[in-house]
Amino acid sequence: MCAMRGKTVVVTGASAGIGEALAVVLAGRGANLVLAARNEEALQRVKARCESAGGRAVVVPTDVGDAESCRRLVERAEEAFGGLDVLVNNAGVTMDARVDEVKDVSLFERLMRINYLGSVYCTYHALPHLKARRGLVVAVSSLTGKTGVPMRSGYAASKHAMHGFFDSLRIELRGTGVDVTVVCPGFVATNIRDSALGADGQPVRQSKHDESEGNMDVDTCVAIILRAMEQREREVVMTTKGRVAQLLKVVAPGVVDRIVARTIQTRQR
């Protein structure tokens, strides 16, 4: 329970959802939090929660899609707490549109820049500091990074890219003391789908589905991530259905396609 005490942890996408919940729990375990997202007001609210939980926290408004902003984030973490032990790449945005309905093709670039390049930029700038402390890189990916999902093509592509990058990085870092953990949640009851990009490239604002229905709750998701961090696991696929799907994808990929399509259709009713 004390594995994170005194550790400095950068969490991107810390203003809501998984990032917020993870930061508060880490604060309760004695970690020093560096909270990153674009919404400073929301970050200040999360900072107050972290401090109430017993931790220390600083707010660093950050656009992970900008490499210089990511450099400043890591620099601020070093200034505030004298080093960096864990980087949690959690910032992300999803989409909700068929490819043939998309009116603004730039949304694919935006998804890649935030979800994939944002993780690359933060990790690149953090690596020297993580090596100094034999630290940990955490990538919050998705089951969509393992299997294509309709209405989420650009999101799936960005998460597939994350997997390729972090799997390669893990091998490169062998012998340095720095580990890479990739976690793959399924559907989690957060507001990420409220800000999903629609066919016009703008946020849809309200999910078409009741996110509390049939989804993993945020606390359960965070508990799994924390266990993976403390044990420095290589990869965690969070759901039984997700693990079975990975096996089926090897022997019967068409079956997986049909299951995924049916799941999405059910959620959109």
Protein backbone atom coordinates (compact mmCIF):
# COMPACT_ATOMS: atom_id res chain seq x y z
CA MET A 1 0.00 0.00 0.00
CA CYS A 2 3.01 2.36 0.46
CA ALA A 3 4.66 1.70 -2.93
CA MET A 4 3.73 5.19 -4.14
CA ARG A 5 4.55 7.12 -0.96
CA GLY A 6 6.91 9.98 -1.75
CA LYS A 7 6.89 9.20 -5.48
CA THR A 8 6.32 11.99 -7.97
CA VAL A 9 3.64 11.09 -10.51
CA VAL A 10 2.62 13.07 -13.59
CA VAL A 11 -0.94 12.32 -14.70
CA THR A 12 -2.16 13.71 -18.01
CA GLY A 13 -5.88 14.03 -18.58
CA ALA A 14 -6.16 14.61 -14.83
CA SER A 15 -9.14 16.97 -14.94
CA ALA A 16 -11.84 14.27 -15.03
CA GLY A 17 -12.65 10.58 -15.30
CA ILE A 18 -9.92 7.98 -14.85
CA GLY A 19 -7.17 10.59 -14.53
CA GLU A 20 -8.92 12.48 -11.73
CA ALA A 21 -9.83 9.34 -9.80
CA LEU A 22 -6.33 7.90 -10.15
CA ALA A 23 -4.71 11.14 -8.97
CA VAL A 24 -6.88 11.33 -5.85
CA VAL A 25 -6.18 7.72 -4.87
CA LEU A 26 -2.43 8.20 -5.45
CA ALA A 27 -2.53 11.32 -3.28
CA GLY A 28 -4.16 9.26 -0.55
CA ARG A 29 -1.20 6.89 -0.76
CA GLY A 30 1.29 9.69 -0.23
CA ALA A 31 2.33 10.46 -3.81
CA ASN A 32 3.25 13.89 -5.13
CA LEU A 33 0.93 14.67 -8.04
CA VAL A 34 1.60 16.77 -11.10
CA LEU A 35 -1.82 17.32 -12.66
CA ALA A 36 -1.97 18.03 -16.39
CA ALA A 37 -4.88 18.88 -18.69
CA ARG A 38 -6.11 21.89 -20.65
CA ASN A 39 -8.83 22.96 -18.20
CA GLU A 40 -7.07 24.80 -15.37
CA GLU A 41 -10.25 25.38 -13.37
CA ALA A 42 -11.02 21.64 -13.35
CA LEU A 43 -7.41 20.88 -12.42
CA GLN A 44 -7.62 23.22 -9.42
CA ARG A 45 -10.67 21.28 -8.24
CA VAL A 46 -8.76 18.01 -8.56
CA LYS A 47 -5.77 19.53 -6.75
CA ALA A 48 -8.02 20.39 -3.80
CA ARG A 49 -9.28 16.81 -3.73
CA CYS A 50 -5.71 15.48 -3.79
CA GLU A 51 -4.67 17.72 -0.92
CA SER A 52 -7.75 16.72 1.08
CA ALA A 53 -6.71 13.10 0.53
CA GLY A 54 -3.36 13.86 2.14
CA GLY A 55 -1.09 14.31 -0.87
CA ARG A 56 0.76 17.19 -2.46
CA ALA A 57 -0.21 18.42 -5.92
CA VAL A 58 0.66 21.05 -8.49
CA VAL A 59 -1.40 22.10 -11.49
CA VAL A 60 0.22 22.43 -14.92
CA PRO A 61 -2.21 23.42 -17.70
CA THR A 62 -1.03 21.35 -20.66
CA ASP A 63 -2.01 20.66 -24.25
CA VAL A 64 -0.42 17.25 -24.82
CA GLY A 65 -0.80 17.75 -28.56
CA ASP A 66 1.94 20.39 -28.35
CA ALA A 67 5.47 19.09 -27.82
CA GLU A 68 6.67 22.28 -26.12
CA SER A 69 3.77 22.18 -23.68
CA CYS A 70 4.78 18.62 -22.77
CA ARG A 71 8.39 19.71 -22.24
CA ARG A 72 7.22 22.44 -19.85
CA LEU A 73 5.08 19.92 -17.98
CA VAL A 74 8.05 17.69 -17.24
CA GLU A 75 10.19 20.70 -16.38
CA ARG A 76 7.58 21.90 -13.89
CA ALA A 77 7.43 18.44 -12.27
CA GLU A 78 11.20 18.55 -11.79
CA GLU A 79 11.02 22.05 -10.31
CA ALA A 80 8.16 21.23 -7.95
CA PHE A 81 9.34 17.89 -6.58
CA GLY A 82 12.97 17.44 -7.64
CA GLY A 83 12.44 14.51 -9.96
CA LEU A 84 9.99 12.19 -11.64
CA ASP A 85 9.12 8.59 -10.80
CA VAL A 86 5.99 7.79 -12.81
CA LEU A 87 4.43 9.20 -15.96
CA VAL A 88 0.80 8.25 -16.59
CA ASN A 89 -0.18 8.96 -20.19
CA ASN A 90 -3.94 9.15 -19.75
CA ALA A 91 -5.07 12.16 -21.82
CA GLY A 92 -7.33 11.19 -24.69
CA VAL A 93 -10.32 11.96 -26.85
CA THR A 94 -12.55 9.54 -28.75
CA MET A 95 -14.90 9.81 -31.74
CA ASP A 96 -18.42 8.74 -32.61
CA ALA A 97 -18.90 8.60 -36.39
CA ARG A 98 -18.62 6.29 -39.36
CA VAL A 99 -15.72 7.05 -41.70
CA ASP A 100 -18.10 7.63 -44.64
CA GLU A 101 -20.06 10.18 -42.59
CA VAL A 102 -17.06 12.30 -41.57
CA LYS A 103 -17.26 15.86 -42.90
CA ASP A 104 -14.02 17.17 -41.40
CA VAL A 105 -11.18 14.75 -42.11
CA SER A 106 -8.86 16.71 -39.82
CA LEU A 107 -10.51 15.01 -36.85
CA PHE A 108 -8.32 11.96 -37.57
CA GLU A 109 -5.20 14.11 -37.21
CA ARG A 110 -6.54 15.60 -33.97
CA LEU A 111 -7.17 12.16 -32.50
CA MET A 112 -3.68 11.00 -33.44
CA ARG A 113 -2.06 14.15 -32.08
CA ILE A 114 -3.76 13.97 -28.68
CA ASN A 115 -3.94 10.23 -28.08
CA TYR A 116 -0.73 9.05 -29.71
CA LEU A 117 1.66 11.96 -30.18
CA GLY A 118 0.69 13.41 -26.81
CA SER A 119 1.96 10.21 -25.19
CA VAL A 120 5.10 10.28 -27.34
CA TYR A 121 5.90 13.90 -26.49
CA CYS A 122 5.39 13.47 -22.74
CA THR A 123 7.34 10.23 -22.65
CA TYR A 124 10.22 11.61 -24.71
CA HIS A 125 10.73 14.55 -22.38
CA ALA A 126 10.21 12.48 -19.23
CA LEU A 127 12.63 9.65 -20.08
CA PRO A 128 15.87 11.21 -18.79
CA HIS A 129 14.21 11.89 -15.43
CA LEU A 130 12.61 8.44 -15.28
CA LYS A 131 15.94 6.79 -16.04
CA ALA A 132 17.54 8.69 -13.16
CA ARG A 133 15.03 7.12 -10.75
CA ARG A 134 14.43 3.78 -12.49
CA GLY A 135 10.86 4.89 -12.94
CA LEU A 136 7.72 3.75 -14.71
CA VAL A 137 5.83 4.77 -17.84
CA VAL A 138 2.11 3.98 -17.85
CA ALA A 139 0.05 4.12 -21.04
CA VAL A 140 -3.71 4.14 -20.56
CA SER A 141 -4.79 2.58 -23.83
CA SER A 142 -8.03 0.71 -24.56
CA LEU A 143 -9.36 -2.61 -25.78
CA THR A 144 -9.88 -0.58 -28.95
CA GLY A 145 -6.11 -0.54 -29.24
CA LYS A 146 -6.30 -4.30 -29.68
CA THR A 147 -9.40 -4.66 -31.84
CA GLY A 148 -11.01 -2.33 -34.38
CA VAL A 149 -14.37 -0.89 -33.36
CA PRO A 150 -17.00 0.70 -35.63
CA MET A 151 -17.69 4.41 -35.08
CA ARG A 152 -14.27 4.65 -33.38
CA SER A 153 -11.90 4.15 -36.35
CA GLY A 154 -9.66 7.17 -35.65
CA TYR A 155 -9.61 6.44 -31.92
CA ALA A 156 -8.73 2.79 -32.58
CA ALA A 157 -5.93 3.84 -34.93
CA SER A 158 -4.44 6.15 -32.30
CA LYS A 159 -4.57 3.46 -29.64
CA HIS A 160 -3.03 0.88 -32.00
CA ALA A 161 -0.23 3.40 -32.55
CA MET A 162 0.22 3.76 -28.79
CA HIS A 163 0.60 0.01 -28.46
CA GLY A 164 3.26 -0.15 -31.16
CA PHE A 165 5.20 2.73 -29.65
CA PHE A 166 5.15 1.50 -26.06
CA ASP A 167 5.84 -2.13 -26.96
CA SER A 168 8.91 -0.96 -28.89
CA LEU A 169 9.97 1.41 -26.13
CA ARG A 170 9.71 -1.34 -23.53
CA ILE A 171 12.28 -3.40 -25.41
CA GLU A 172 14.57 -0.39 -25.90
CA LEU A 173 14.51 0.31 -22.17
CA ARG A 174 15.57 -3.16 -21.08
CA GLY A 175 18.43 -2.85 -18.62
CA THR A 176 17.73 0.80 -17.78
CA GLY A 177 15.47 0.09 -14.80
CA VAL A 178 12.55 1.88 -16.47
CA ASP A 179 9.45 -0.26 -17.02
CA VAL A 180 6.50 0.28 -19.37
CA THR A 181 2.98 -0.71 -18.36
CA VAL A 182 0.12 -0.62 -20.88
CA VAL A 183 -3.40 -0.88 -19.49
CA CYS A 184 -6.40 -1.62 -21.70
CA PRO A 185 -9.78 -0.75 -20.19
CA GLY A 186 -13.01 -1.61 -21.93
CA PHE A 187 -16.07 0.61 -21.54
CA VAL A 188 -15.68 2.65 -18.35
CA ALA A 189 -18.36 4.89 -16.84
CA THR A 190 -16.73 8.26 -17.54
CA ASN A 191 -17.69 11.33 -19.52
CA ILE A 192 -15.16 10.70 -22.32
CA ARG A 193 -17.94 9.95 -24.79
CA ASP A 194 -19.62 13.29 -24.01
CA SER A 195 -16.60 14.97 -25.61
CA ALA A 196 -16.31 12.45 -28.45
CA LEU A 197 -15.78 14.06 -31.85
CA GLY A 198 -18.71 13.71 -34.22
CA ALA A 199 -18.80 13.64 -38.01
CA ASP A 200 -18.32 17.42 -38.17
CA GLY A 201 -15.22 17.26 -35.96
CA GLN A 202 -17.02 18.89 -33.02
CA PRO A 203 -17.77 17.29 -29.62
CA VAL A 204 -21.13 15.52 -29.54
CA ARG A 205 -21.58 16.90 -25.97
CA GLN A 206 -23.85 14.09 -24.79
CA SER A 207 -23.27 10.36 -25.08
CA LYS A 208 -25.97 8.41 -26.87
CA HIS A 209 -25.68 5.73 -24.22
CA ASP A 210 -26.24 5.71 -20.46
CA GLU A 211 -22.60 5.41 -19.38
CA SER A 212 -23.54 3.99 -15.99
CA GLU A 213 -25.24 1.01 -17.62
CA GLY A 214 -23.15 -2.11 -18.16
CA ASN A 215 -19.80 -0.31 -17.91
CA MET A 216 -16.93 -0.82 -15.47
CA ASP A 217 -17.07 1.80 -12.74
CA VAL A 218 -14.16 4.21 -12.48
CA ASP A 219 -13.05 3.02 -9.02
CA THR A 220 -12.67 -0.56 -10.24
CA CYS A 221 -10.70 0.61 -13.27
CA VAL A 222 -8.40 2.71 -11.09
CA ALA A 223 -7.81 -0.18 -8.67
CA ILE A 224 -6.67 -2.35 -11.58
CA ILE A 225 -4.36 0.39 -12.86
CA LEU A 226 -2.85 0.90 -9.40
CA ARG A 227 -2.16 -2.80 -9.00
CA ALA A 228 -0.50 -2.87 -12.41
CA MET A 229 1.64 0.15 -11.49
CA GLU A 230 2.74 -1.26 -8.17
CA GLN A 231 3.61 -4.63 -9.71
CA ARG A 232 5.09 -2.95 -12.79
CA GLU A 233 3.14 -5.29 -15.04
CA ARG A 234 3.83 -5.40 -18.76
CA GLU A 235 0.24 -5.20 -19.99
CA VAL A 236 -3.22 -5.53 -18.48
CA VAL A 237 -6.34 -6.33 -20.51
CA MET A 238 -9.05 -5.46 -18.03
CA THR A 239 -12.08 -7.55 -18.91
CA THR A 240 -12.64 -11.26 -19.37
CA LYS A 241 -14.46 -10.54 -22.63
CA GLY A 242 -11.44 -8.55 -23.81
CA ARG A 243 -9.02 -11.36 -22.99
CA VAL A 244 -11.20 -13.94 -24.74
CA ALA A 245 -11.45 -11.65 -27.76
CA GLN A 246 -7.67 -11.55 -28.07
CA LEU A 247 -7.56 -15.34 -28.27
CA LEU A 248 -10.45 -15.47 -30.71
CA LYS A 249 -8.82 -12.86 -32.91
CA VAL A 250 -6.00 -15.30 -33.61
CA VAL A 251 -8.17 -18.31 -34.48
CA ALA A 252 -11.47 -16.77 -35.58
CA PRO A 253 -11.10 -13.06 -36.37
CA GLY A 254 -14.43 -12.90 -38.19
CA VAL A 255 -16.21 -13.95 -35.02
CA VAL A 256 -14.61 -11.06 -33.14
CA ASP A 257 -15.77 -8.63 -35.85
CA ARG A 258 -19.35 -9.82 -35.45
CA ILE A 259 -19.23 -9.65 -31.64
CA VAL A 260 -17.84 -6.10 -31.67
CA ALA A 261 -20.38 -4.93 -34.26
CA ARG A 262 -23.24 -6.41 -32.25
CA THR A 263 -21.95 -4.83 -29.03
CA ILE A 264 -21.80 -1.35 -30.56
CA GLN A 265 -25.24 -1.74 -32.16
CA THR A 266 -26.71 -2.73 -28.79
CA ARG A 267 -25.14 0.31 -27.08
CA GLN A 268 -26.61 2.69 -29.68
CA ARG A 269 -30.23 1.62 -29.25
